[in-house]
Amino acid sequence: MNYLQQFFLYQSNHQMIMGVMTLVVYYGQKKWSAPRAYEDMMKPIPPVFKNYMNVASYPLIEMRYLDPERFHTQKLKELITELKYLYNHQYDETHDITVSHEIAITLAALTKNTQIYEKVKEKKIDMCQAIRDYGKENLRIGKKEGIIQTLIKQLQSKLGFLSKDTLAKIKSCNQEQLDSLTIHIFDIYSEKDILHYLSFD
């Protein structure tokens, strides 16, 4: 689209076209392990056609591994520093780490952390407390996911098979439903029993 817009300018007043570079910014917590180019997702290309294929490979930037000191603006330095703190669950109790409202909102969006949204004040947020809370929330979610996976394995071992619909309902159950399923696991002999104890019947 950018080249097309520039081409129209070139046609009208012969303004030279500038090169366009695409960057991919990844802000996830885990190291990138997916394909880095369209070619990595394609079926093998016949060698005779390979040089004619318009296959792009974009530079991938992993925010978690960026050096904040290489950036000139204070906002970018803060954003990258606090993102790394959040993902590593690190904080320094001797320092009051605060960021602007704008940075706090951006961090909450990148990490999908609703607790940071709730803690955002009018101007600044205490990142030390946010990081502590973020770690506790991740631990709580991790424990719940661990229990769910254990239950699924036990139920699959007992029943031999679980449908995709039943698996989805188990994975999306709340704590009360999870407790009910755990307590009555020895009373379950079919998928219908599972749905009964999850109150989906």
N, C-alpha and C. Protein backbone atom coordinates (compact mmCIF):
# COMPACT_ATOMS: atom_id res chain seq x y z
N MET A 1 0.83 -1.20 0.00
CA MET A 1 0.00 0.00 0.00
C MET A 1 0.86 1.26 0.00
N ASN A 2 1.95 1.20 0.75
CA ASN A 2 2.86 2.35 0.81
C ASN A 2 3.50 2.60 -0.54
N TYR A 3 3.96 1.52 -1.18
CA TYR A 3 4.57 1.66 -2.50
C TYR A 3 3.54 2.18 -3.52
N LEU A 4 2.30 1.72 -3.41
CA LEU A 4 1.26 2.16 -4.34
C LEU A 4 1.00 3.66 -4.20
N GLN A 5 0.93 4.13 -2.95
CA GLN A 5 0.73 5.56 -2.72
C GLN A 5 1.89 6.38 -3.30
N GLN A 6 3.12 5.86 -3.09
CA GLN A 6 4.28 6.56 -3.62
C GLN A 6 4.30 6.54 -5.16
N PHE A 7 3.80 5.44 -5.72
CA PHE A 7 3.78 5.34 -7.18
C PHE A 7 2.87 6.41 -7.80
N PHE A 8 1.75 6.70 -7.16
CA PHE A 8 0.84 7.73 -7.65
C PHE A 8 1.53 9.10 -7.63
N LEU A 9 2.34 9.33 -6.57
CA LEU A 9 3.09 10.59 -6.50
C LEU A 9 4.14 10.64 -7.61
N TYR A 10 4.73 9.48 -7.87
CA TYR A 10 5.75 9.42 -8.94
C TYR A 10 5.11 9.72 -10.30
N GLN A 11 3.90 9.20 -10.51
CA GLN A 11 3.20 9.44 -11.77
C GLN A 11 2.83 10.91 -11.95
N SER A 12 2.42 11.55 -10.84
CA SER A 12 1.93 12.92 -10.95
C SER A 12 3.05 13.95 -11.02
N ASN A 13 4.09 13.78 -10.19
CA ASN A 13 5.16 14.80 -10.19
C ASN A 13 6.57 14.22 -10.19
N HIS A 14 6.67 12.93 -10.54
CA HIS A 14 7.97 12.25 -10.65
C HIS A 14 8.78 12.29 -9.34
N GLN A 15 8.05 12.27 -8.22
CA GLN A 15 8.73 12.19 -6.91
C GLN A 15 9.28 10.78 -6.74
N MET A 16 10.59 10.69 -6.47
CA MET A 16 11.23 9.38 -6.39
C MET A 16 10.66 8.55 -5.24
N ILE A 17 10.59 7.24 -5.50
CA ILE A 17 10.04 6.32 -4.50
C ILE A 17 11.10 5.97 -3.46
N MET A 18 10.68 5.98 -2.20
CA MET A 18 11.58 5.61 -1.09
C MET A 18 11.35 4.16 -0.71
N GLY A 19 12.40 3.49 -0.26
CA GLY A 19 12.29 2.10 0.17
C GLY A 19 11.46 1.95 1.43
N VAL A 20 10.74 0.85 1.52
CA VAL A 20 9.90 0.58 2.69
C VAL A 20 10.40 -0.69 3.38
N MET A 21 10.62 -0.61 4.68
CA MET A 21 11.09 -1.76 5.45
C MET A 21 10.03 -2.14 6.48
N THR A 22 9.73 -3.41 6.58
CA THR A 22 8.74 -3.90 7.55
C THR A 22 9.46 -4.57 8.72
N LEU A 23 9.09 -4.17 9.92
CA LEU A 23 9.63 -4.79 11.14
C LEU A 23 8.51 -5.49 11.87
N VAL A 24 8.81 -6.63 12.47
CA VAL A 24 7.85 -7.34 13.30
C VAL A 24 8.29 -7.21 14.75
N VAL A 25 7.43 -6.62 15.60
CA VAL A 25 7.74 -6.44 17.01
C VAL A 25 6.97 -7.46 17.83
N TYR A 26 7.69 -8.31 18.53
CA TYR A 26 7.08 -9.35 19.37
C TYR A 26 7.27 -8.97 20.83
N TYR A 27 6.17 -8.85 21.57
CA TYR A 27 6.25 -8.41 22.96
C TYR A 27 5.83 -9.50 23.94
N GLY A 28 5.83 -10.77 23.50
CA GLY A 28 5.44 -11.87 24.38
C GLY A 28 6.50 -12.21 25.41
N GLN A 29 6.11 -13.03 26.37
CA GLN A 29 7.01 -13.40 27.47
C GLN A 29 7.97 -14.51 27.07
N LYS A 30 7.48 -15.48 26.28
CA LYS A 30 8.33 -16.60 25.89
C LYS A 30 9.16 -16.25 24.66
N LYS A 31 10.27 -16.96 24.50
CA LYS A 31 11.13 -16.73 23.35
C LYS A 31 10.40 -17.14 22.07
N TRP A 32 10.56 -16.33 21.01
CA TRP A 32 9.89 -16.59 19.73
C TRP A 32 10.38 -17.92 19.15
N SER A 33 9.45 -18.80 18.81
CA SER A 33 9.83 -20.10 18.23
C SER A 33 9.03 -20.41 16.96
N ALA A 34 8.21 -19.47 16.53
CA ALA A 34 7.39 -19.67 15.32
C ALA A 34 8.20 -19.32 14.08
N PRO A 35 7.66 -19.59 12.88
CA PRO A 35 8.38 -19.24 11.64
C PRO A 35 8.70 -17.75 11.57
N ARG A 36 9.78 -17.42 10.89
CA ARG A 36 10.21 -16.04 10.72
C ARG A 36 9.98 -15.53 9.30
N ALA A 37 9.49 -16.38 8.41
CA ALA A 37 9.24 -15.98 7.03
C ALA A 37 8.10 -16.82 6.48
N TYR A 38 7.40 -16.28 5.46
CA TYR A 38 6.32 -17.02 4.84
C TYR A 38 6.83 -18.35 4.27
N GLU A 39 8.07 -18.34 3.77
CA GLU A 39 8.64 -19.54 3.16
C GLU A 39 8.69 -20.70 4.14
N ASP A 40 8.87 -20.37 5.44
CA ASP A 40 8.94 -21.42 6.46
C ASP A 40 7.59 -22.12 6.66
N MET A 41 6.50 -21.51 6.17
CA MET A 41 5.17 -22.09 6.32
C MET A 41 4.66 -22.68 5.01
N MET A 42 5.46 -22.60 3.96
CA MET A 42 5.03 -23.07 2.64
C MET A 42 5.48 -24.50 2.37
N LYS A 43 4.78 -25.13 1.44
CA LYS A 43 5.25 -26.41 0.93
C LYS A 43 6.53 -26.16 0.13
N PRO A 44 7.38 -27.16 -0.02
CA PRO A 44 8.65 -26.96 -0.76
C PRO A 44 8.41 -26.35 -2.14
N ILE A 45 9.22 -25.33 -2.46
CA ILE A 45 9.11 -24.64 -3.75
C ILE A 45 10.07 -25.27 -4.74
N PRO A 46 9.62 -25.59 -5.95
CA PRO A 46 10.54 -26.14 -6.98
C PRO A 46 11.70 -25.17 -7.19
N PRO A 47 12.93 -25.66 -7.17
CA PRO A 47 14.10 -24.78 -7.30
C PRO A 47 14.04 -23.84 -8.49
N VAL A 48 13.43 -24.27 -9.60
CA VAL A 48 13.40 -23.44 -10.80
C VAL A 48 12.56 -22.19 -10.61
N PHE A 49 11.60 -22.25 -9.67
CA PHE A 49 10.72 -21.10 -9.42
C PHE A 49 11.12 -20.28 -8.19
N LYS A 50 12.04 -20.80 -7.39
CA LYS A 50 12.33 -20.20 -6.10
C LYS A 50 12.77 -18.73 -6.21
N ASN A 51 13.58 -18.42 -7.21
CA ASN A 51 14.08 -17.04 -7.35
C ASN A 51 13.00 -16.07 -7.81
N TYR A 52 11.86 -16.61 -8.26
CA TYR A 52 10.78 -15.74 -8.74
C TYR A 52 9.68 -15.53 -7.69
N MET A 53 9.79 -16.26 -6.58
CA MET A 53 8.76 -16.16 -5.55
C MET A 53 8.94 -14.87 -4.75
N ASN A 54 7.81 -14.19 -4.54
CA ASN A 54 7.84 -12.97 -3.74
C ASN A 54 7.60 -13.34 -2.27
N VAL A 55 8.62 -13.91 -1.65
CA VAL A 55 8.51 -14.40 -0.27
C VAL A 55 9.30 -13.48 0.65
N ALA A 56 8.60 -12.91 1.61
CA ALA A 56 9.25 -11.93 2.50
C ALA A 56 9.72 -12.58 3.79
N SER A 57 10.82 -12.05 4.30
CA SER A 57 11.33 -12.42 5.62
C SER A 57 11.59 -11.12 6.36
N TYR A 58 10.82 -10.86 7.40
CA TYR A 58 10.91 -9.58 8.10
C TYR A 58 11.80 -9.68 9.33
N PRO A 59 12.58 -8.65 9.61
CA PRO A 59 13.38 -8.65 10.84
C PRO A 59 12.45 -8.73 12.05
N LEU A 60 12.74 -9.67 12.96
CA LEU A 60 11.91 -9.86 14.14
C LEU A 60 12.59 -9.21 15.35
N ILE A 61 11.86 -8.36 16.04
CA ILE A 61 12.38 -7.68 17.23
C ILE A 61 11.65 -8.21 18.45
N GLU A 62 12.38 -8.83 19.36
CA GLU A 62 11.79 -9.34 20.60
C GLU A 62 12.01 -8.30 21.70
N MET A 63 10.94 -7.65 22.13
CA MET A 63 11.05 -6.54 23.07
C MET A 63 11.71 -6.94 24.38
N ARG A 64 11.48 -8.18 24.79
CA ARG A 64 12.01 -8.62 26.08
C ARG A 64 13.53 -8.60 26.12
N TYR A 65 14.18 -8.72 24.94
CA TYR A 65 15.64 -8.80 24.90
C TYR A 65 16.29 -7.49 24.42
N LEU A 66 15.50 -6.44 24.30
CA LEU A 66 16.06 -5.15 23.87
C LEU A 66 16.82 -4.48 25.01
N ASP A 67 17.83 -3.71 24.68
CA ASP A 67 18.58 -2.93 25.65
C ASP A 67 17.96 -1.53 25.73
N PRO A 68 17.32 -1.19 26.85
CA PRO A 68 16.65 0.12 26.96
C PRO A 68 17.58 1.30 26.72
N GLU A 69 18.86 1.14 27.07
CA GLU A 69 19.79 2.26 26.96
C GLU A 69 20.13 2.61 25.51
N ARG A 70 19.73 1.78 24.57
CA ARG A 70 20.00 2.06 23.17
C ARG A 70 18.95 2.99 22.56
N PHE A 71 17.92 3.31 23.34
CA PHE A 71 16.86 4.18 22.84
C PHE A 71 17.03 5.60 23.38
N HIS A 72 16.63 6.57 22.59
CA HIS A 72 16.85 7.97 22.95
C HIS A 72 15.71 8.55 23.78
N THR A 73 14.49 8.07 23.58
CA THR A 73 13.37 8.66 24.31
C THR A 73 13.16 7.95 25.65
N GLN A 74 12.85 8.74 26.67
CA GLN A 74 12.67 8.22 28.02
C GLN A 74 11.48 7.26 28.09
N LYS A 75 10.42 7.55 27.32
CA LYS A 75 9.23 6.71 27.36
C LYS A 75 9.52 5.29 26.87
N LEU A 76 10.30 5.19 25.79
CA LEU A 76 10.65 3.87 25.28
C LEU A 76 11.55 3.12 26.26
N LYS A 77 12.47 3.84 26.89
CA LYS A 77 13.33 3.22 27.89
C LYS A 77 12.50 2.65 29.04
N GLU A 78 11.53 3.44 29.51
CA GLU A 78 10.67 3.00 30.61
C GLU A 78 9.84 1.79 30.20
N LEU A 79 9.26 1.86 29.00
CA LEU A 79 8.40 0.77 28.53
C LEU A 79 9.16 -0.55 28.47
N ILE A 80 10.33 -0.54 27.87
CA ILE A 80 11.11 -1.77 27.71
C ILE A 80 11.62 -2.28 29.06
N THR A 81 12.09 -1.36 29.90
CA THR A 81 12.59 -1.74 31.23
C THR A 81 11.51 -2.40 32.06
N GLU A 82 10.32 -1.78 32.12
CA GLU A 82 9.25 -2.31 32.97
C GLU A 82 8.66 -3.59 32.38
N LEU A 83 8.65 -3.72 31.06
CA LEU A 83 8.17 -4.96 30.44
C LEU A 83 9.09 -6.13 30.84
N LYS A 84 10.40 -5.87 30.85
CA LYS A 84 11.35 -6.91 31.24
C LYS A 84 11.18 -7.26 32.72
N TYR A 85 10.96 -6.24 33.56
CA TYR A 85 10.72 -6.49 34.98
C TYR A 85 9.49 -7.37 35.18
N LEU A 86 8.41 -7.03 34.47
CA LEU A 86 7.17 -7.79 34.61
C LEU A 86 7.34 -9.24 34.20
N TYR A 87 7.96 -9.47 33.06
CA TYR A 87 8.12 -10.83 32.56
C TYR A 87 9.08 -11.65 33.42
N ASN A 88 10.04 -11.00 34.05
CA ASN A 88 11.01 -11.71 34.90
C ASN A 88 10.61 -11.71 36.37
N HIS A 89 9.47 -11.04 36.67
CA HIS A 89 8.99 -10.92 38.06
C HIS A 89 10.06 -10.33 38.98
N GLN A 90 10.76 -9.33 38.47
CA GLN A 90 11.84 -8.71 39.24
C GLN A 90 11.41 -7.32 39.72
N TYR A 91 11.90 -6.94 40.89
CA TYR A 91 11.71 -5.58 41.36
C TYR A 91 12.76 -5.30 42.44
N ASP A 92 13.05 -4.04 42.62
CA ASP A 92 14.02 -3.63 43.62
C ASP A 92 13.27 -2.90 44.72
N GLU A 93 13.17 -3.52 45.91
CA GLU A 93 12.38 -2.96 47.00
C GLU A 93 12.96 -1.66 47.54
N THR A 94 14.23 -1.37 47.22
CA THR A 94 14.86 -0.15 47.74
C THR A 94 14.55 1.06 46.87
N HIS A 95 13.95 0.83 45.71
CA HIS A 95 13.65 1.94 44.81
C HIS A 95 12.15 2.01 44.53
N ASP A 96 11.66 3.21 44.39
CA ASP A 96 10.27 3.43 44.04
C ASP A 96 10.16 3.52 42.52
N ILE A 97 9.78 2.43 41.89
CA ILE A 97 9.69 2.40 40.43
C ILE A 97 8.30 2.89 40.03
N THR A 98 8.23 4.06 39.44
CA THR A 98 6.95 4.58 38.99
C THR A 98 7.03 4.93 37.51
N VAL A 99 5.90 4.78 36.82
CA VAL A 99 5.85 5.12 35.41
C VAL A 99 4.62 5.98 35.16
N SER A 100 4.59 6.60 34.01
CA SER A 100 3.46 7.47 33.67
C SER A 100 2.21 6.65 33.41
N HIS A 101 1.08 7.32 33.42
CA HIS A 101 -0.21 6.69 33.15
C HIS A 101 -0.20 6.04 31.77
N GLU A 102 0.37 6.72 30.80
CA GLU A 102 0.44 6.23 29.42
C GLU A 102 1.24 4.93 29.33
N ILE A 103 2.40 4.89 30.00
CA ILE A 103 3.24 3.68 29.97
C ILE A 103 2.54 2.53 30.69
N ALA A 104 1.89 2.84 31.82
CA ALA A 104 1.19 1.81 32.59
C ALA A 104 0.08 1.17 31.76
N ILE A 105 -0.68 1.99 31.03
CA ILE A 105 -1.75 1.48 30.18
C ILE A 105 -1.17 0.59 29.07
N THR A 106 -0.05 1.03 28.49
CA THR A 106 0.60 0.25 27.42
C THR A 106 1.09 -1.09 27.96
N LEU A 107 1.70 -1.09 29.15
CA LEU A 107 2.18 -2.32 29.77
C LEU A 107 1.02 -3.27 30.05
N ALA A 108 -0.08 -2.73 30.54
CA ALA A 108 -1.25 -3.56 30.83
C ALA A 108 -1.78 -4.20 29.55
N ALA A 109 -1.76 -3.44 28.45
CA ALA A 109 -2.25 -3.97 27.17
C ALA A 109 -1.31 -5.04 26.63
N LEU A 110 0.00 -4.81 26.71
CA LEU A 110 0.97 -5.77 26.18
C LEU A 110 0.96 -7.08 26.95
N THR A 111 0.82 -6.99 28.28
CA THR A 111 0.86 -8.19 29.11
C THR A 111 -0.54 -8.76 29.39
N LYS A 112 -1.57 -8.08 28.88
CA LYS A 112 -2.97 -8.48 29.11
C LYS A 112 -3.25 -8.63 30.60
N ASN A 113 -2.74 -7.68 31.37
CA ASN A 113 -2.85 -7.75 32.83
C ASN A 113 -3.93 -6.80 33.32
N THR A 114 -5.06 -7.35 33.75
CA THR A 114 -6.16 -6.51 34.21
C THR A 114 -5.85 -5.85 35.55
N GLN A 115 -4.97 -6.46 36.36
CA GLN A 115 -4.64 -5.88 37.66
C GLN A 115 -3.92 -4.55 37.51
N ILE A 116 -3.08 -4.44 36.49
CA ILE A 116 -2.39 -3.17 36.27
C ILE A 116 -3.40 -2.10 35.87
N TYR A 117 -4.37 -2.47 35.03
CA TYR A 117 -5.43 -1.52 34.67
C TYR A 117 -6.11 -0.98 35.92
N GLU A 118 -6.41 -1.89 36.85
CA GLU A 118 -7.13 -1.50 38.06
C GLU A 118 -6.29 -0.61 38.97
N LYS A 119 -4.97 -0.78 38.92
CA LYS A 119 -4.09 -0.03 39.80
C LYS A 119 -3.63 1.30 39.22
N VAL A 120 -3.94 1.51 37.94
CA VAL A 120 -3.50 2.76 37.30
C VAL A 120 -4.20 3.94 37.97
N LYS A 121 -3.39 4.86 38.48
CA LYS A 121 -3.94 6.07 39.09
C LYS A 121 -4.00 7.18 38.04
N GLU A 122 -4.26 8.37 38.45
CA GLU A 122 -4.40 9.49 37.51
C GLU A 122 -3.08 9.78 36.79
N LYS A 123 -1.96 9.64 37.49
CA LYS A 123 -0.69 10.03 36.86
C LYS A 123 0.33 8.90 36.83
N LYS A 124 0.55 8.24 37.98
CA LYS A 124 1.63 7.25 38.04
C LYS A 124 1.17 5.97 38.72
N ILE A 125 1.92 4.90 38.49
CA ILE A 125 1.62 3.61 39.10
C ILE A 125 2.90 3.07 39.73
N ASP A 126 2.77 2.45 40.90
CA ASP A 126 3.91 1.85 41.59
C ASP A 126 4.18 0.49 40.94
N MET A 127 5.24 0.41 40.14
CA MET A 127 5.53 -0.82 39.40
C MET A 127 6.02 -1.94 40.30
N CYS A 128 6.65 -1.61 41.43
CA CYS A 128 7.10 -2.66 42.37
C CYS A 128 5.91 -3.51 42.81
N GLN A 129 4.84 -2.83 43.23
CA GLN A 129 3.65 -3.54 43.68
C GLN A 129 2.98 -4.25 42.52
N ALA A 130 2.97 -3.62 41.36
CA ALA A 130 2.35 -4.23 40.18
C ALA A 130 3.07 -5.51 39.80
N ILE A 131 4.40 -5.50 39.88
CA ILE A 131 5.19 -6.69 39.53
C ILE A 131 4.94 -7.81 40.53
N ARG A 132 4.85 -7.45 41.82
CA ARG A 132 4.55 -8.46 42.84
C ARG A 132 3.18 -9.09 42.58
N ASP A 133 2.19 -8.24 42.28
CA ASP A 133 0.84 -8.73 42.03
C ASP A 133 0.78 -9.56 40.76
N TYR A 134 1.55 -9.13 39.76
CA TYR A 134 1.60 -9.86 38.48
C TYR A 134 2.13 -11.28 38.71
N GLY A 135 3.17 -11.39 39.53
CA GLY A 135 3.74 -12.70 39.82
C GLY A 135 2.77 -13.59 40.56
N LYS A 136 2.03 -13.01 41.54
CA LYS A 136 1.05 -13.78 42.29
C LYS A 136 -0.08 -14.26 41.39
N GLU A 137 -0.53 -13.37 40.49
CA GLU A 137 -1.62 -13.73 39.58
C GLU A 137 -1.18 -14.84 38.64
N ASN A 138 0.04 -14.76 38.13
CA ASN A 138 0.55 -15.81 37.24
C ASN A 138 0.64 -17.14 37.97
N LEU A 139 1.06 -17.08 39.25
CA LEU A 139 1.16 -18.30 40.06
C LEU A 139 -0.21 -18.92 40.26
N ARG A 140 -1.22 -18.07 40.55
CA ARG A 140 -2.58 -18.56 40.75
C ARG A 140 -3.12 -19.20 39.47
N ILE A 141 -2.92 -18.53 38.34
CA ILE A 141 -3.38 -19.06 37.06
C ILE A 141 -2.65 -20.36 36.72
N GLY A 142 -1.34 -20.39 37.02
CA GLY A 142 -0.55 -21.58 36.74
C GLY A 142 -1.03 -22.78 37.55
N LYS A 143 -1.38 -22.56 38.82
CA LYS A 143 -1.88 -23.64 39.67
C LYS A 143 -3.20 -24.18 39.13
N LYS A 144 -4.09 -23.25 38.74
CA LYS A 144 -5.39 -23.67 38.22
C LYS A 144 -5.23 -24.48 36.94
N GLU A 145 -4.36 -24.01 36.04
CA GLU A 145 -4.13 -24.73 34.78
C GLU A 145 -3.54 -26.11 35.04
N GLY A 146 -2.66 -26.19 36.06
CA GLY A 146 -2.07 -27.48 36.43
C GLY A 146 -3.11 -28.46 36.92
N ILE A 147 -4.05 -27.98 37.75
CA ILE A 147 -5.12 -28.83 38.26
C ILE A 147 -6.02 -29.30 37.12
N ILE A 148 -6.35 -28.39 36.22
CA ILE A 148 -7.21 -28.73 35.08
C ILE A 148 -6.55 -29.80 34.21
N GLN A 149 -5.27 -29.64 33.92
CA GLN A 149 -4.57 -30.62 33.09
C GLN A 149 -4.51 -31.99 33.77
N THR A 150 -4.31 -31.99 35.10
CA THR A 150 -4.28 -33.26 35.85
C THR A 150 -5.64 -33.94 35.80
N LEU A 151 -6.72 -33.14 35.98
CA LEU A 151 -8.08 -33.69 35.92
C LEU A 151 -8.38 -34.29 34.55
N ILE A 152 -7.98 -33.58 33.51
CA ILE A 152 -8.21 -34.06 32.15
C ILE A 152 -7.51 -35.41 31.93
N LYS A 153 -6.28 -35.51 32.38
CA LYS A 153 -5.54 -36.77 32.23
C LYS A 153 -6.22 -37.91 32.98
N GLN A 154 -6.69 -37.60 34.21
CA GLN A 154 -7.36 -38.62 35.00
C GLN A 154 -8.67 -39.07 34.35
N LEU A 155 -9.43 -38.10 33.82
CA LEU A 155 -10.71 -38.42 33.19
C LEU A 155 -10.51 -39.18 31.87
N GLN A 156 -9.48 -38.79 31.13
CA GLN A 156 -9.18 -39.51 29.88
C GLN A 156 -8.74 -40.94 30.18
N SER A 157 -7.99 -41.10 31.25
CA SER A 157 -7.55 -42.45 31.64
C SER A 157 -8.74 -43.30 32.07
N LYS A 158 -9.70 -42.66 32.73
CA LYS A 158 -10.85 -43.39 33.26
C LYS A 158 -11.88 -43.70 32.18
N LEU A 159 -12.14 -42.69 31.30
CA LEU A 159 -13.19 -42.85 30.29
C LEU A 159 -12.65 -43.28 28.93
N GLY A 160 -11.35 -43.08 28.71
CA GLY A 160 -10.75 -43.47 27.44
C GLY A 160 -10.79 -42.41 26.38
N PHE A 161 -11.79 -41.49 26.45
CA PHE A 161 -11.92 -40.46 25.42
C PHE A 161 -12.76 -39.31 25.97
N LEU A 162 -12.37 -38.08 25.60
CA LEU A 162 -13.16 -36.89 25.92
C LEU A 162 -13.34 -36.08 24.64
N SER A 163 -14.55 -35.68 24.36
CA SER A 163 -14.83 -34.91 23.15
C SER A 163 -14.23 -33.51 23.27
N LYS A 164 -14.07 -32.85 22.11
CA LYS A 164 -13.53 -31.48 22.09
C LYS A 164 -14.43 -30.54 22.89
N ASP A 165 -15.74 -30.74 22.81
CA ASP A 165 -16.69 -29.89 23.52
C ASP A 165 -16.53 -30.03 25.03
N THR A 166 -16.38 -31.26 25.49
CA THR A 166 -16.20 -31.50 26.93
C THR A 166 -14.87 -30.94 27.40
N LEU A 167 -13.82 -31.14 26.62
CA LEU A 167 -12.50 -30.60 26.98
C LEU A 167 -12.56 -29.08 27.09
N ALA A 168 -13.24 -28.43 26.16
CA ALA A 168 -13.35 -26.97 26.17
C ALA A 168 -14.07 -26.49 27.43
N LYS A 169 -15.11 -27.22 27.82
CA LYS A 169 -15.87 -26.83 29.01
C LYS A 169 -15.06 -27.02 30.29
N ILE A 170 -14.26 -28.07 30.33
CA ILE A 170 -13.40 -28.29 31.52
C ILE A 170 -12.36 -27.18 31.61
N LYS A 171 -11.76 -26.83 30.47
CA LYS A 171 -10.70 -25.82 30.46
C LYS A 171 -11.22 -24.43 30.80
N SER A 172 -12.52 -24.19 30.56
CA SER A 172 -13.08 -22.87 30.82
C SER A 172 -13.83 -22.78 32.14
N CYS A 173 -13.80 -23.85 32.94
CA CYS A 173 -14.58 -23.85 34.17
C CYS A 173 -13.97 -22.92 35.22
N ASN A 174 -14.84 -22.41 36.09
CA ASN A 174 -14.38 -21.54 37.17
C ASN A 174 -13.95 -22.38 38.36
N GLN A 175 -13.51 -21.72 39.43
CA GLN A 175 -12.98 -22.44 40.58
C GLN A 175 -14.03 -23.32 41.25
N GLU A 176 -15.26 -22.83 41.33
CA GLU A 176 -16.34 -23.61 41.95
C GLU A 176 -16.62 -24.89 41.16
N GLN A 177 -16.66 -24.77 39.84
CA GLN A 177 -16.87 -25.95 38.99
C GLN A 177 -15.69 -26.91 39.08
N LEU A 178 -14.49 -26.35 39.16
CA LEU A 178 -13.28 -27.16 39.27
C LEU A 178 -13.30 -27.97 40.56
N ASP A 179 -13.71 -27.33 41.66
CA ASP A 179 -13.81 -28.02 42.95
C ASP A 179 -14.84 -29.15 42.88
N SER A 180 -15.98 -28.88 42.23
CA SER A 180 -17.04 -29.88 42.12
C SER A 180 -16.56 -31.10 41.34
N LEU A 181 -15.84 -30.85 40.26
CA LEU A 181 -15.33 -31.95 39.44
C LEU A 181 -14.29 -32.76 40.20
N THR A 182 -13.45 -32.07 40.96
CA THR A 182 -12.41 -32.76 41.73
C THR A 182 -13.01 -33.65 42.82
N ILE A 183 -14.01 -33.13 43.53
CA ILE A 183 -14.66 -33.87 44.63
C ILE A 183 -15.38 -35.11 44.13
N HIS A 184 -16.02 -35.00 42.94
CA HIS A 184 -16.86 -36.09 42.44
C HIS A 184 -16.18 -36.94 41.37
N ILE A 185 -14.87 -36.86 41.24
CA ILE A 185 -14.18 -37.57 40.16
C ILE A 185 -14.40 -39.08 40.22
N PHE A 186 -14.59 -39.62 41.44
CA PHE A 186 -14.80 -41.07 41.55
C PHE A 186 -16.24 -41.47 41.22
N ASP A 187 -17.13 -40.47 41.07
CA ASP A 187 -18.52 -40.74 40.73
C ASP A 187 -18.79 -40.54 39.24
N ILE A 188 -17.74 -40.29 38.47
CA ILE A 188 -17.89 -39.99 37.05
C ILE A 188 -17.62 -41.25 36.22
N TYR A 189 -18.60 -41.60 35.38
CA TYR A 189 -18.47 -42.79 34.53
C TYR A 189 -18.74 -42.49 33.06
N SER A 190 -19.07 -41.23 32.76
CA SER A 190 -19.34 -40.83 31.38
C SER A 190 -19.17 -39.32 31.24
N GLU A 191 -19.15 -38.85 29.98
CA GLU A 191 -19.05 -37.41 29.75
C GLU A 191 -20.30 -36.70 30.28
N LYS A 192 -21.42 -37.40 30.26
CA LYS A 192 -22.65 -36.81 30.80
C LYS A 192 -22.49 -36.50 32.29
N ASP A 193 -21.79 -37.38 33.01
CA ASP A 193 -21.53 -37.13 34.44
C ASP A 193 -20.66 -35.89 34.62
N ILE A 194 -19.68 -35.73 33.74
CA ILE A 194 -18.79 -34.55 33.82
C ILE A 194 -19.61 -33.27 33.69
N LEU A 195 -20.48 -33.24 32.66
CA LEU A 195 -21.31 -32.06 32.43
C LEU A 195 -22.28 -31.83 33.58
N HIS A 196 -22.73 -32.91 34.19
CA HIS A 196 -23.62 -32.78 35.34
C HIS A 196 -22.92 -32.06 36.50
N TYR A 197 -21.70 -32.49 36.82
CA TYR A 197 -21.00 -31.88 37.93
C TYR A 197 -20.44 -30.49 37.60
N LEU A 198 -20.40 -30.19 36.30
CA LEU A 198 -20.04 -28.81 35.90
C LEU A 198 -21.28 -27.96 35.72
N SER A 199 -22.46 -28.60 35.97
CA SER A 199 -23.76 -27.93 35.85
C SER A 199 -24.05 -27.48 34.43
N PHE A 200 -23.62 -28.29 33.44
CA PHE A 200 -23.91 -28.00 32.04
C PHE A 200 -25.04 -28.90 31.51
N ASP A 201 -25.59 -29.75 32.41
CA ASP A 201 -26.61 -30.67 31.92
C ASP A 201 -28.00 -30.01 31.98
